[in-house]
Protein backbone atom coordinates (compact mmCIF):
# COMPACT_ATOMS: atom_id res chain seq x y z
CA MET A 1 83.86 94.55 72.59
CA SER A 2 86.93 95.94 71.07
CA GLN A 3 87.67 97.20 67.98
CA PHE A 4 91.35 96.16 67.69
CA LEU A 5 92.29 94.43 71.03
CA ASP A 6 90.15 91.63 70.16
CA ASN A 7 92.26 90.45 67.71
CA ILE A 8 95.98 91.03 69.67
CA ASN A 9 97.06 87.90 70.49
CA GLU A 10 100.72 88.28 70.45
CA PRO A 11 103.00 90.66 68.88
CA LYS A 12 102.89 90.17 65.40
CA ASP A 13 99.43 91.57 65.16
CA LEU A 14 100.59 94.96 65.95
CA GLU A 15 102.12 94.56 62.17
CA LYS A 16 98.49 94.57 60.77
CA LEU A 17 97.66 98.13 61.93
CA ASN A 18 98.45 101.55 60.59
CA TYR A 19 99.00 104.19 62.99
CA ASP A 20 96.02 105.80 63.59
CA GLN A 21 94.55 102.00 64.54
CA LYS A 22 96.88 101.90 66.95
CA ASP A 23 95.79 104.75 68.78
CA GLU A 24 92.49 103.78 69.16
CA LEU A 25 94.69 100.70 70.45
CA ALA A 26 96.24 102.37 73.35
CA LYS A 27 92.64 103.69 74.16
CA GLU A 28 91.25 100.28 73.98
CA LEU A 29 94.01 98.95 76.28
CA ARG A 30 93.26 101.87 78.66
CA ASP A 31 90.16 100.98 79.11
CA TYR A 32 90.51 97.42 79.87
CA VAL A 33 93.60 97.69 82.25
CA ILE A 34 91.30 100.25 84.27
CA LYS A 35 88.53 97.26 84.09
CA VAL A 36 91.01 94.74 85.48
CA VAL A 37 92.71 96.69 87.87
CA SER A 38 89.55 98.21 89.59
CA GLU A 39 88.46 94.33 90.41
CA THR A 40 91.84 93.29 91.25
CA GLY A 41 93.73 95.99 92.89
CA GLY A 42 97.02 96.51 91.57
CA HIS A 43 99.59 99.41 90.02
CA LEU A 44 97.06 101.85 87.86
CA ALA A 45 99.23 104.94 87.30
CA SER A 46 102.18 103.33 86.13
CA ASN A 47 100.77 101.28 83.42
CA LEU A 48 98.45 104.16 81.95
CA GLY A 49 101.32 106.06 81.29
CA VAL A 50 102.98 103.37 79.44
CA VAL A 51 100.63 102.37 76.57
CA GLU A 52 101.62 103.78 74.11
CA LEU A 53 105.79 103.22 74.66
CA THR A 54 104.80 99.41 75.13
CA ILE A 55 103.05 99.48 71.61
CA ALA A 56 106.14 100.88 69.80
CA LEU A 57 108.00 98.61 71.82
CA HIS A 58 106.29 95.73 70.19
CA SER A 59 106.03 96.94 66.64
CA VAL A 60 109.73 97.95 66.36
CA PHE A 61 111.80 94.73 68.67
CA ASP A 62 110.89 91.69 68.15
CA GLY A 63 110.39 90.21 72.06
CA LYS A 64 111.22 86.91 71.52
CA LYS A 65 114.72 87.55 70.39
CA ASP A 66 115.61 90.71 71.98
CA LYS A 67 116.01 91.32 75.15
CA ILE A 68 113.98 93.90 76.87
CA ILE A 69 114.15 95.06 80.45
CA TRP A 70 111.55 95.99 82.83
CA ASP A 71 112.93 98.64 85.69
CA VAL A 72 110.95 97.28 88.58
CA GLY A 73 108.41 95.75 86.44
CA HIS A 74 105.21 96.90 87.79
CA GLN A 75 104.27 98.50 84.32
CA THR A 76 103.70 95.49 82.59
CA TYR A 77 100.23 94.81 82.22
CA ILE A 78 100.17 96.27 78.69
CA HIS A 79 103.12 94.47 77.55
CA LYS A 80 101.58 91.25 79.35
CA ILE A 81 98.48 91.76 77.10
CA LEU A 82 100.26 91.86 74.05
CA THR A 83 102.19 88.79 74.95
CA GLY A 84 99.40 86.58 75.04
CA ARG A 85 98.01 87.00 78.55
CA LYS A 86 94.99 89.05 77.85
CA GLU A 87 92.53 86.21 78.65
CA LYS A 88 94.90 85.21 82.21
CA MET A 89 94.97 89.30 83.33
CA ASN A 90 91.51 88.96 86.15
CA THR A 91 93.86 86.43 87.85
CA LEU A 92 96.25 89.25 88.05
CA ARG A 93 98.19 89.05 91.46
CA GLN A 94 96.04 86.22 92.81
CA LEU A 95 96.94 82.82 94.35
CA ASN A 96 98.23 80.74 91.42
CA GLY A 97 97.50 83.44 88.55
CA ILE A 98 99.73 85.80 87.23
CA SER A 99 101.81 87.96 88.72
CA GLY A 100 102.09 91.55 88.46
CA PHE A 101 105.99 91.81 87.19
CA PRO A 102 107.92 90.02 84.75
CA LYS A 103 108.59 86.16 85.48
CA THR A 104 110.43 84.23 83.05
CA ASN A 105 108.46 80.95 83.74
CA GLU A 106 105.25 83.09 82.53
CA SER A 107 106.21 84.39 78.99
CA GLU A 108 108.98 83.93 76.89
CA TYR A 109 108.79 87.28 76.07
CA ASP A 110 110.21 88.16 79.88
CA SER A 111 113.60 88.77 79.34
CA PHE A 112 114.21 88.96 83.57
CA ASN A 113 112.55 88.71 86.61
CA THR A 114 112.11 92.41 88.28
CA GLY A 115 110.44 93.83 91.23
CA HIS A 116 112.63 96.41 93.13
CA SER A 117 113.51 99.60 91.01
CA SER A 118 117.14 100.68 89.32
CA THR A 119 118.20 96.96 88.68
CA SER A 120 117.67 97.04 84.35
CA ILE A 121 120.31 98.66 83.33
CA SER A 122 122.83 96.56 84.91
CA VAL A 123 120.63 93.28 83.45
CA ALA A 124 120.78 94.97 80.24
CA MET A 125 124.71 95.58 80.03
CA GLY A 126 125.85 91.95 81.56
CA MET A 127 122.96 90.72 78.72
CA ALA A 128 124.99 92.97 75.92
CA ARG A 129 128.33 91.56 76.46
CA ALA A 130 127.28 88.26 77.35
CA ARG A 131 125.52 88.22 73.84
CA ASP A 132 128.61 90.14 72.23
CA ILE A 133 130.99 87.55 73.57
CA MET A 134 129.35 84.95 72.28
CA LYS A 135 128.45 86.42 69.05
CA GLU A 136 124.68 86.57 68.92
CA ASP A 137 122.37 88.75 67.27
CA TYR A 138 119.87 91.04 69.33
CA SER A 139 119.03 94.65 70.61
CA VAL A 140 118.84 94.73 74.27
CA VAL A 141 116.61 97.69 75.98
CA ALA A 142 116.25 98.92 79.28
CA VAL A 143 113.09 100.84 80.57
CA ILE A 144 113.71 102.66 83.41
CA GLY A 145 111.80 105.67 84.94
CA ASP A 146 113.00 108.44 86.67
CA GLY A 147 112.28 108.05 90.06
CA ALA A 148 114.28 104.55 89.55
CA LEU A 149 116.99 106.76 88.08
CA THR A 150 117.62 108.02 91.15
CA GLY A 151 118.86 104.86 92.98
CA GLY A 152 122.82 104.20 92.87
CA MET A 153 122.84 101.40 91.50
CA ALA A 154 121.20 103.18 87.96
CA LEU A 155 123.84 105.62 87.91
CA GLU A 156 126.87 103.16 88.15
CA ALA A 157 125.13 101.28 85.34
CA LEU A 158 125.40 104.03 83.45
CA ASN A 159 128.68 105.05 84.42
CA ASP A 160 129.61 101.91 83.37
CA ALA A 161 126.94 101.61 80.11
CA GLY A 162 128.26 104.84 78.37
CA SER A 163 132.19 103.99 78.85
CA SER A 164 131.62 100.26 77.31
CA ASN A 165 130.66 101.16 73.67
CA LYS A 166 128.52 98.41 73.70
CA ASP A 167 125.01 98.22 71.43
CA ILE A 168 122.43 98.72 74.31
CA ILE A 169 119.18 101.06 74.50
CA VAL A 170 117.85 102.67 77.50
CA ILE A 171 115.11 104.29 77.80
CA LEU A 172 114.04 107.04 80.15
CA ASN A 173 110.70 106.67 80.92
CA ASP A 174 110.19 110.44 83.18
CA ASN A 175 107.15 110.91 84.59
CA GLU A 176 108.38 113.17 87.44
CA MET A 177 107.06 110.72 89.78
CA SER A 178 108.50 107.72 91.34
CA ILE A 179 106.01 106.49 94.09
CA SER A 180 106.38 110.08 95.72
CA LYS A 181 106.91 112.98 93.66
CA ASN A 182 110.36 113.19 92.81
CA VAL A 183 112.94 115.12 94.80
CA GLY A 184 116.49 115.95 94.09
CA GLY A 185 119.29 116.78 91.68
CA LEU A 186 118.68 115.10 89.24
CA SER A 187 114.57 115.45 88.87
CA ARG A 188 115.66 119.22 88.58
CA PHE A 189 117.87 118.01 85.36
CA LEU A 190 115.54 116.11 83.98
CA GLY A 191 113.01 118.61 84.73
CA TYR A 192 115.11 121.24 82.93
CA MET A 193 115.92 119.34 80.24
CA ARG A 194 112.10 119.01 79.63
CA SER A 195 111.97 122.67 79.06
CA LYS A 196 114.28 122.98 76.57
CA ARG A 197 112.64 120.06 74.64
CA PHE A 198 112.29 122.39 71.28
CA TYR A 199 116.12 121.55 70.56
CA THR A 200 114.92 117.65 69.64
CA GLN A 201 111.60 118.05 67.90
CA SER A 202 112.04 116.69 64.76
CA ASN A 203 111.17 118.16 61.30
CA LYS A 204 109.05 114.94 59.78
CA LYS A 205 108.33 117.45 56.15
CA ILE A 206 111.96 118.20 55.96
CA LYS A 207 112.80 113.92 56.86
CA LYS A 208 110.25 113.05 54.16
CA ILE A 209 111.55 115.39 51.28
CA VAL A 210 115.31 115.21 51.55
CA ARG A 211 115.13 111.68 51.88
CA LYS A 212 113.71 111.22 48.62
CA ILE A 213 116.65 112.65 46.99
CA PRO A 214 118.35 109.94 45.30
CA LYS A 215 122.20 109.21 46.91
CA ILE A 216 122.65 111.51 48.86
CA GLY A 217 119.34 111.84 51.44
CA GLU A 218 120.39 110.06 53.96
CA LYS A 219 123.62 111.03 54.12
CA LEU A 220 122.37 114.76 54.23
CA ILE A 221 119.98 113.48 57.91
CA HIS A 222 123.15 112.61 59.07
CA LEU A 223 124.61 115.51 58.70
CA THR A 224 121.59 117.10 60.00
CA ARG A 225 121.89 114.98 63.17
CA ARG A 226 125.50 116.13 63.77
CA VAL A 227 124.15 119.76 63.35
CA LYS A 228 121.44 118.99 65.98
CA TYR A 229 123.64 117.57 68.28
CA GLY A 230 125.85 121.01 68.30
CA ILE A 231 123.11 123.16 69.05
CA LYS A 232 122.30 120.86 71.53
CA GLN A 233 125.85 121.83 73.49
CA LEU A 234 125.13 125.20 72.84
CA PHE A 235 121.84 125.63 74.58
CA ILE A 236 122.47 122.87 76.84
CA SER A 237 125.17 122.92 79.38
CA ASN A 238 126.45 119.79 81.79
CA MET A 239 124.86 117.21 78.48
CA PHE A 240 125.16 114.35 81.26
CA PHE A 241 124.15 111.40 79.65
CA GLU A 242 126.12 112.62 76.51
CA ASN A 243 129.44 113.96 78.37
CA ILE A 244 129.40 109.79 80.02
CA GLY A 245 129.15 108.31 77.12
CA PHE A 246 125.66 107.89 75.91
CA THR A 247 124.04 109.41 72.55
CA TYR A 248 120.97 111.21 73.73
CA LEU A 249 117.93 111.74 72.14
CA GLY A 250 114.92 113.37 73.39
CA PRO A 251 113.29 114.44 75.48
CA MET A 252 110.52 113.99 73.46
CA GLU A 253 106.53 113.14 73.92
CA GLY A 254 105.61 109.57 75.42
CA HIS A 255 102.41 109.81 74.17
CA ASP A 256 103.23 109.53 70.35
CA ILE A 257 103.47 106.14 69.06
CA GLU A 258 104.73 107.56 65.98
CA LYS A 259 107.10 109.39 67.24
CA ILE A 260 108.57 106.74 69.79
CA GLU A 261 108.98 103.51 66.60
CA SER A 262 110.62 106.33 64.54
CA MET A 263 112.95 106.95 67.71
CA LEU A 264 113.57 103.53 68.64
CA LYS A 265 114.25 102.32 64.86
CA MET A 266 116.82 105.38 64.91
CA ALA A 267 118.27 104.21 68.24
CA LYS A 268 118.97 100.50 66.67
CA LYS A 269 121.20 102.24 63.27
CA ILE A 270 122.78 104.57 65.55
CA GLY A 271 124.52 101.60 67.77
CA GLY A 272 126.78 101.88 70.78
CA PRO A 273 125.25 103.38 74.38
CA VAL A 274 121.92 105.23 73.28
CA LEU A 275 119.44 106.96 76.03
CA ILE A 276 115.85 107.71 74.41
CA HIS A 277 114.51 109.80 76.98
CA LEU A 278 110.20 110.20 77.29
CA VAL A 279 108.35 112.07 78.88
CA THR A 280 104.93 110.42 79.91
CA LYS A 281 101.88 111.27 82.39
CA LYS A 282 101.27 108.68 85.24
CA GLY A 283 97.76 107.84 85.19
CA LYS A 284 97.52 109.24 81.61
CA GLY A 285 93.54 108.47 80.27
CA TYR A 286 91.87 107.50 83.91
CA LYS A 287 91.13 111.94 85.35
CA PRO A 288 91.57 110.18 89.27
CA ALA A 289 94.87 108.54 88.02
CA GLU A 290 95.94 112.01 86.64
CA ASP A 291 94.94 113.54 89.27
CA ASP A 292 96.17 111.77 92.42
CA PRO A 293 98.91 109.14 90.26
CA GLU A 294 100.79 108.02 93.82
CA ARG A 295 97.12 107.18 95.46
CA PHE A 296 97.03 104.88 92.29
CA HIS A 297 100.24 104.00 92.10
CA GLY A 298 99.26 100.18 94.11
CA THR A 299 95.59 100.06 94.16
CA SER A 300 93.06 98.05 95.93
CA SER A 301 89.66 97.38 93.69
CA PHE A 302 88.15 100.63 93.04
CA ASP A 303 84.97 102.03 91.67
CA ILE A 304 85.60 103.09 88.34
CA GLN A 305 83.02 105.99 87.95
CA THR A 306 84.17 108.01 91.33
CA GLY A 307 87.73 106.12 91.53
CA ASN A 308 87.04 105.44 95.50
CA PRO A 309 88.25 102.10 96.54
CA LYS A 310 85.13 99.24 97.22
CA LYS A 311 86.71 99.07 100.81
CA GLN A 312 87.31 101.84 103.00
CA LYS A 313 90.60 101.71 103.77
CA GLU A 314 90.57 100.44 107.88
CA ILE A 315 93.59 101.77 110.54
CA ASP A 316 96.64 99.70 110.29
CA TYR A 317 100.18 99.94 111.47
CA SER A 318 101.24 102.79 108.99
CA LYS A 319 98.75 104.77 110.34
CA VAL A 320 99.25 104.15 114.25
CA PHE A 321 103.24 104.51 113.16
CA SER A 322 102.14 108.29 111.66
CA GLU A 323 100.17 109.05 114.47
CA LYS A 324 102.61 108.57 117.45
CA ILE A 325 105.35 109.63 115.58
CA VAL A 326 104.55 112.71 115.11
CA GLU A 327 102.82 112.44 118.90
CA LEU A 328 106.70 111.94 119.65
CA ALA A 329 108.52 114.56 117.69
CA LYS A 330 105.93 117.37 119.46
CA LYS A 331 107.81 116.23 122.36
CA ASP A 332 111.32 116.20 120.98
CA GLU A 333 113.07 118.82 118.74
CA ARG A 334 115.34 116.79 117.67
CA ILE A 335 113.19 113.86 116.41
CA VAL A 336 114.24 114.01 112.40
CA ALA A 337 112.24 111.64 109.63
CA VAL A 338 113.58 109.86 106.52
CA THR A 339 112.48 107.96 103.74
CA ALA A 340 112.73 106.46 100.48
CA ALA A 341 110.45 107.76 98.09
CA MET A 342 108.16 106.11 100.53
CA ALA A 343 106.59 108.65 102.73
CA SER A 344 102.84 107.71 101.94
CA GLY A 345 103.37 104.21 102.38
CA THR A 346 105.37 104.45 105.55
CA GLY A 347 103.07 106.74 106.81
CA LEU A 348 105.60 109.71 107.08
CA LYS A 349 103.44 111.89 105.19
CA GLU A 350 101.38 113.60 108.33
CA PHE A 351 105.48 114.28 109.96
CA LYS A 352 106.10 116.07 106.30
CA LYS A 353 103.20 118.31 107.58
CA GLU A 354 104.53 119.27 110.74
CA PHE A 355 107.76 119.02 110.60
CA PRO A 356 108.69 119.97 106.83
CA GLU A 357 112.23 120.95 108.05
CA ARG A 358 112.91 117.91 110.20
CA PHE A 359 111.74 115.68 107.23
CA PHE A 360 114.09 114.07 104.11
CA ASP A 361 112.55 112.44 101.56
CA VAL A 362 116.01 111.23 99.46
CA GLY A 363 114.57 109.17 96.08
CA ILE A 364 114.71 105.93 95.64
CA ALA A 365 118.54 105.65 97.56
CA GLU A 366 118.12 103.09 100.42
CA GLN A 367 122.04 102.80 101.08
CA HIS A 368 122.01 106.75 101.15
CA ALA A 369 118.64 107.18 102.99
CA LEU A 370 120.70 105.01 105.66
CA GLY A 371 123.87 106.67 105.87
CA MET A 372 122.97 109.81 106.17
CA CYS A 373 120.60 108.32 109.40
CA ALA A 374 124.02 107.25 111.05
CA GLY A 375 125.31 111.02 110.13
CA LEU A 376 121.97 112.95 111.94
CA ALA A 377 122.61 110.27 114.66
CA LYS A 378 126.52 110.96 115.16
CA SER A 379 125.77 114.56 115.14
CA GLY A 380 123.23 114.53 118.26
CA LEU A 381 119.86 114.34 116.33
CA LYS A 382 117.42 111.47 116.30
CA PRO A 383 116.78 109.87 113.29
CA ILE A 384 113.94 107.23 112.34
CA ILE A 385 113.92 105.78 108.96
CA SER A 386 110.66 103.82 108.33
CA LEU A 387 111.76 101.71 104.69
CA TYR A 388 109.78 98.27 103.38
CA SER A 389 111.50 95.28 104.80
CA SER A 390 112.13 93.42 101.25
CA PHE A 391 114.13 97.46 100.65
CA TYR A 392 115.88 97.01 103.55
CA GLN A 393 118.07 94.45 101.62
CA ARG A 394 119.19 97.08 99.40
CA GLY A 395 120.94 99.31 102.73
CA TYR A 396 122.70 96.07 104.33
CA ASP A 397 125.95 97.83 104.96
CA GLN A 398 125.16 100.92 105.73
CA VAL A 399 123.42 99.18 108.92
CA ILE A 400 126.31 97.35 109.13
CA HIS A 401 129.21 99.59 108.86
CA ASP A 402 127.77 102.85 109.03
CA ILE A 403 124.98 102.12 112.00
CA ALA A 404 125.82 98.56 113.70
CA ILE A 405 129.30 99.17 114.39
CA GLN A 406 129.67 102.09 115.86
CA LYS A 407 126.51 101.78 117.76
CA LEU A 408 124.00 104.76 116.54
CA PRO A 409 120.92 105.72 118.15
CA VAL A 410 119.25 105.33 114.44
CA VAL A 411 115.39 103.50 114.94
CA MET A 412 114.84 101.46 112.13
CA CYS A 413 111.48 100.91 111.75
CA VAL A 414 110.70 97.64 108.96
CA ASP A 415 107.07 98.17 107.06
CA ARG A 416 105.34 94.66 105.41
CA ALA A 417 107.56 93.07 107.75
CA GLY A 418 106.60 89.19 106.90
CA ILE A 419 104.29 88.27 104.33
CA VAL A 420 102.75 91.11 102.20
CA GLY A 421 100.62 89.36 99.43
CA ASN A 422 99.67 89.95 96.01
CA ASP A 423 103.04 91.63 94.74
CA GLY A 424 105.26 88.39 95.30
CA GLU A 425 108.76 86.95 95.57
CA THR A 426 110.02 90.15 95.09
CA HIS A 427 108.17 92.26 97.60
CA GLN A 428 107.73 89.67 101.15
CA GLY A 429 109.04 90.42 104.16
CA GLN A 430 110.09 87.54 105.59
CA PHE A 431 113.90 87.46 105.72
CA ASP A 432 113.98 90.73 108.02
CA MET A 433 114.35 88.92 111.30
CA ALA A 434 117.35 86.14 109.74
CA PHE A 435 119.46 89.24 108.43
CA PHE A 436 118.92 91.53 111.15
CA GLN A 437 119.63 89.27 113.74
CA ILE A 438 122.83 88.56 112.54
CA VAL A 439 123.63 92.09 113.58
CA PRO A 440 125.65 93.02 116.52
CA ASN A 441 124.72 95.94 118.86
CA ILE A 442 121.05 96.05 117.39
CA THR A 443 118.41 95.65 119.52
CA ILE A 444 115.41 93.63 117.34
CA MET A 445 110.96 94.26 118.06
CA ALA A 446 108.15 93.43 116.91
CA PRO A 447 104.59 94.34 118.66
CA LYS A 448 101.49 92.00 118.60
CA ASP A 449 99.39 95.08 118.57
CA PHE A 450 98.80 98.84 118.01
CA GLU A 451 99.46 99.54 121.26
CA GLU A 452 102.38 98.00 121.59
CA LEU A 453 104.14 99.42 118.17
CA LYS A 454 103.71 102.97 120.42
CA GLN A 455 104.76 101.46 123.65
CA MET A 456 107.76 100.21 121.40
CA LEU A 457 107.90 104.27 119.62
CA GLU A 458 108.37 105.30 122.72
CA TYR A 459 110.91 102.47 123.91
CA ALA A 460 112.95 102.73 121.20
CA PHE A 461 114.25 106.83 121.37
CA LYS A 462 114.82 105.99 125.07
CA LEU A 463 117.38 103.41 124.45
CA ASN A 464 120.13 105.04 122.51
CA LYS A 465 121.58 102.26 120.23
CA PRO A 466 120.46 101.15 117.20
CA VAL A 467 116.79 99.92 117.23
CA VAL A 468 114.45 97.73 114.53
CA ILE A 469 110.74 97.64 114.99
CA ARG A 470 109.18 95.25 112.13
CA TYR A 471 105.51 95.10 112.39
CA PRO A 472 103.21 93.84 108.93
CA ARG A 473 101.20 95.74 106.56
CA GLY A 474 97.85 96.27 107.46
CA GLY A 475 96.04 95.85 110.45
CA GLU A 476 95.67 93.66 113.63
CA GLY A 477 93.55 91.61 112.98
CA ASN A 478 90.31 90.80 115.22
CA THR A 479 92.38 89.29 118.47
CA LYS A 480 92.01 92.96 120.93
CA PHE A 481 94.81 92.80 123.93
CA ILE A 482 94.09 93.74 127.22
CA MET A 483 97.29 93.67 128.66
CA HIS A 484 100.22 95.86 128.06
CA SER A 485 102.62 95.18 130.40
CA GLN A 486 105.36 98.21 129.81
CA ILE A 487 108.09 97.62 127.73
CA ALA A 488 111.85 96.47 129.66
CA GLU A 489 114.32 95.88 127.10
CA GLY A 490 115.06 91.89 126.57
CA LYS A 491 111.93 91.15 128.56
CA ALA A 492 108.86 88.89 127.15
CA GLU A 493 105.92 88.66 127.94
CA VAL A 494 104.10 86.24 128.86
CA ILE A 495 99.74 86.71 127.92
CA LYS A 496 98.35 83.31 129.10
CA TYR A 497 99.74 80.95 131.94
CA GLY A 498 99.55 77.22 131.18
CA ASN A 499 101.01 73.43 132.15
CA ASP A 500 101.08 71.33 128.80
CA VAL A 501 102.79 73.31 126.19
CA SER A 502 104.58 76.60 125.39
CA ILE A 503 103.39 78.79 122.54
CA ILE A 504 105.82 81.55 121.43
CA GLY A 505 105.03 84.05 119.14
CA ILE A 506 106.13 87.34 117.77
CA GLY A 507 104.58 90.07 115.99
CA LYS A 508 101.28 89.97 114.71
CA MET A 509 101.61 85.89 114.94
CA VAL A 510 101.19 86.54 118.77
CA GLU A 511 97.61 86.67 117.83
CA LYS A 512 97.79 83.11 116.52
CA ALA A 513 99.66 81.61 119.57
CA LYS A 514 96.30 83.06 121.61
CA GLU A 515 93.92 82.05 119.01
CA VAL A 516 95.49 78.32 119.18
CA ALA A 517 95.58 77.91 123.03
CA GLU A 518 91.96 79.12 122.90
CA LEU A 519 91.43 75.87 120.58
CA LEU A 520 93.45 73.81 122.41
CA LYS A 521 91.74 74.83 125.67
CA ILE A 522 88.81 72.70 124.46
CA ASP A 523 90.51 69.86 124.27
CA ASN A 524 91.31 70.48 127.58
CA ILE A 525 94.69 71.57 126.88
CA ASP A 526 95.69 74.22 128.72
CA ALA A 527 98.77 75.73 126.60
CA GLU A 528 101.43 78.66 127.99
CA VAL A 529 101.77 81.52 125.43
CA VAL A 530 104.73 83.95 125.40
CA ASN A 531 105.13 87.33 123.60
CA VAL A 532 108.75 87.16 123.02
CA ARG A 533 108.67 91.00 121.93
CA PHE A 534 112.21 90.88 121.29
CA LEU A 535 114.29 88.81 119.30
CA LYS A 536 117.31 90.55 120.00
CA PRO A 537 118.18 90.44 123.00
CA ILE A 538 115.93 87.86 123.21
CA ASP A 539 114.48 86.51 126.99
CA GLU A 540 116.54 83.53 128.03
CA LYS A 541 114.91 82.97 131.16
CA GLN A 542 111.92 83.67 130.76
CA ILE A 543 111.92 81.04 128.15
CA ILE A 544 114.07 77.86 129.41
CA GLU A 545 111.57 78.75 132.76
CA SER A 546 108.01 78.30 130.41
CA ILE A 547 109.83 75.34 128.50
CA ASN A 548 111.14 73.21 131.84
CA LYS A 549 107.50 74.07 132.83
CA THR A 550 105.81 72.47 130.12
CA LYS A 551 108.16 70.24 128.76
CA LYS A 552 106.48 70.84 125.32
CA VAL A 553 107.30 74.22 122.32
CA VAL A 554 105.96 75.77 119.36
CA THR A 555 107.23 78.67 117.92
CA ILE A 556 105.04 80.57 115.44
CA GLU A 557 106.31 83.51 113.31
CA ASP A 558 105.87 85.35 109.93
CA GLY A 559 109.68 84.76 108.95
CA THR A 560 111.09 82.50 107.39
CA ILE A 561 112.25 79.22 109.29
CA VAL A 562 115.95 79.58 109.23
CA GLY A 563 117.28 82.60 111.40
CA GLY A 564 114.33 83.35 113.32
CA LEU A 565 112.52 82.84 116.05
CA TYR A 566 112.50 78.99 115.49
CA SER A 567 116.55 79.05 115.16
CA LYS A 568 116.88 81.65 118.07
CA ILE A 569 115.01 78.75 120.34
CA CYS A 570 116.96 75.85 119.30
CA GLU A 571 119.97 77.60 119.62
CA ILE A 572 118.34 78.47 123.11
CA ALA A 573 117.65 74.92 123.71
CA ASN A 574 120.97 73.81 122.77
CA LYS A 575 122.21 76.55 124.59
CA TYR A 576 121.88 74.79 128.01
CA ASN A 577 121.14 71.77 127.16
CA ILE A 578 117.45 71.37 127.02
CA ASN A 579 116.59 67.86 124.93
CA LYS A 580 112.96 69.16 123.78
CA HIS A 581 111.13 68.38 120.25
CA ILE A 582 110.31 71.88 118.63
CA LEU A 583 107.95 72.34 116.31
CA GLY A 584 107.80 75.97 114.42
CA PHE A 585 105.59 77.19 112.09
CA ALA A 586 106.98 79.51 109.87
CA TYR A 587 107.77 79.82 106.42
CA PRO A 588 109.59 77.21 104.48
CA ASP A 589 113.49 78.24 103.33
CA GLU A 590 111.72 79.23 99.71
CA PHE A 591 110.66 82.83 97.76
CA ILE A 592 106.98 82.95 98.67
CA ARG A 593 104.96 83.47 95.84
CA HIS A 594 101.64 85.85 95.76
CA GLY A 595 98.40 85.42 96.67
CA SER A 596 96.51 87.31 99.35
CA VAL A 597 98.17 86.79 103.28
CA VAL A 598 94.75 84.75 103.95
CA GLU A 599 95.60 81.87 101.18
CA LEU A 600 99.38 82.14 101.50
CA GLU A 601 98.88 81.39 105.42
CA LYS A 602 96.66 78.82 104.67
CA LEU A 603 98.87 77.37 101.96
CA TYR A 604 102.12 77.54 104.35
CA GLY A 605 99.84 76.00 106.98
CA LEU A 606 100.26 79.35 109.62
CA ASP A 607 96.79 79.82 109.71
CA SER A 608 95.58 78.77 113.23
CA SER A 609 93.41 75.91 112.18
CA ASN A 610 96.28 74.26 111.01
CA ILE A 611 98.63 74.99 113.93
CA TYR A 612 96.61 73.66 116.32
CA LYS A 613 95.70 70.74 114.43
CA LYS A 614 99.79 70.00 114.37
CA VAL A 615 99.80 70.93 117.79
CA ARG A 616 97.29 68.63 118.66
CA GLU A 617 98.68 65.82 117.05
CA SER A 618 101.96 66.64 118.06
CA LEU A 619 101.20 66.21 122.08
């Protein structure tokens, strides 16, 4: 039984608590979040780090009227609990349950949908300008982490906000982490500011005494603030935030509710662009997460006592990629690896250990990462970059402008391609085949299993041109392919020959194509299974040959129905005047919600059983 949490159903209930009681509430919230995430999985360390900040925000601001924009949004579990979703937390990230990110259709307290980093200040500036144009009255607060601040979009927004003179509050949640340990000059700058924390620590006792002086108390405090600003300029050179137009408050302890509330109230009074710098600890209150916040950034269900996952992680595509790229780099000194704050998640941690001088983590800066790869390639090195599918969207111009136009040999590995599951719309990787396919000069491959991924990595470095290799999250499933013919550019592989229907699959969906063929065999339907391997250039000769033989066509892919394999096969049929009905299995032209991959495949008809039934009906 929780003494305080049980009685918190909406932010107004916080008004009943004094600061000691709020501190106790913070402990109860941490215990509750640990319990929930240990069962559902999710983002733990980041949420444990913002407990006091979230309590303070909802104590000072009216969440129904004021706009609180959470950058990335994976740290909003406390926010959800305090805003009426406490009883739904056991459905977190599950199909038909609540999202792990802010959703405006979920609560009026969620001001904006977020899922990727570095967007909050831009959104906040839009809301602040709209507020003033429409002559409305509300506060706008952007909560952004120091890792997200390395993203170019955040710096662009800071630059605009600082010169705008708009009433906007930016809260810098400085925990020295994004997912991997923060890197770069801005991280060092913030570290320097943390080391000088003494210059902004408030003397509460003096303030209380001065405020009691009739008429002039508040004026003296205002004068003191101006003097403190002068002292800051003496002790801290290159005051970045002040110099671009922000009133800078901090750095200060980010786990002291009373101090945070005081700072938030001060920021509201000051007006104009204000930046509050809070120093927090990622994973605070749960020792395993404090000791290893990277592992507990996004975690599966785990045992609370030990912190160990309930299910041991099996070998997956990221692990296979990791081992193979290290093997290749040992043979070729020109191979270098690049990541954007995702060394562990994308499988480049071992490469970093083996070749620290050939590994580059640029922070949350996908545009810079891809542009830098172009420079590395132009200078004679062999760069390989690994990003999640949904994060390549952020560097699309660099793929086109810096890499593809110049035909530079950059190997772009697309991890988490297809549906990733519980993180929902912002993280699903269903668009990469479509947006890469329309770019000239790029070769696009997708392996059917682990062994084919190894083959494709070897082959990619021999091509001497831009290459995309896409592969899913997790493992290869239960099907083990015996056959692994040699990779040749633009050449498909026939897994099984047949006469009644051509089932054409790509990537992990070749496994489903094989399963469907086995089910059809029971009905005496002889299916041909084609692993296209290359979406671009696609093996038109093999596809036409197969279609002309069977007269019936089925495509299976783990991307959107628009612009992927189905679209490509339709283009080929149209090009060669092949008048055949093509049955395509893919995700619809919509954003895919959160849920497990198995649940979503079934929901959208991409499980083997449903595909088999539909194919049988069509025959």
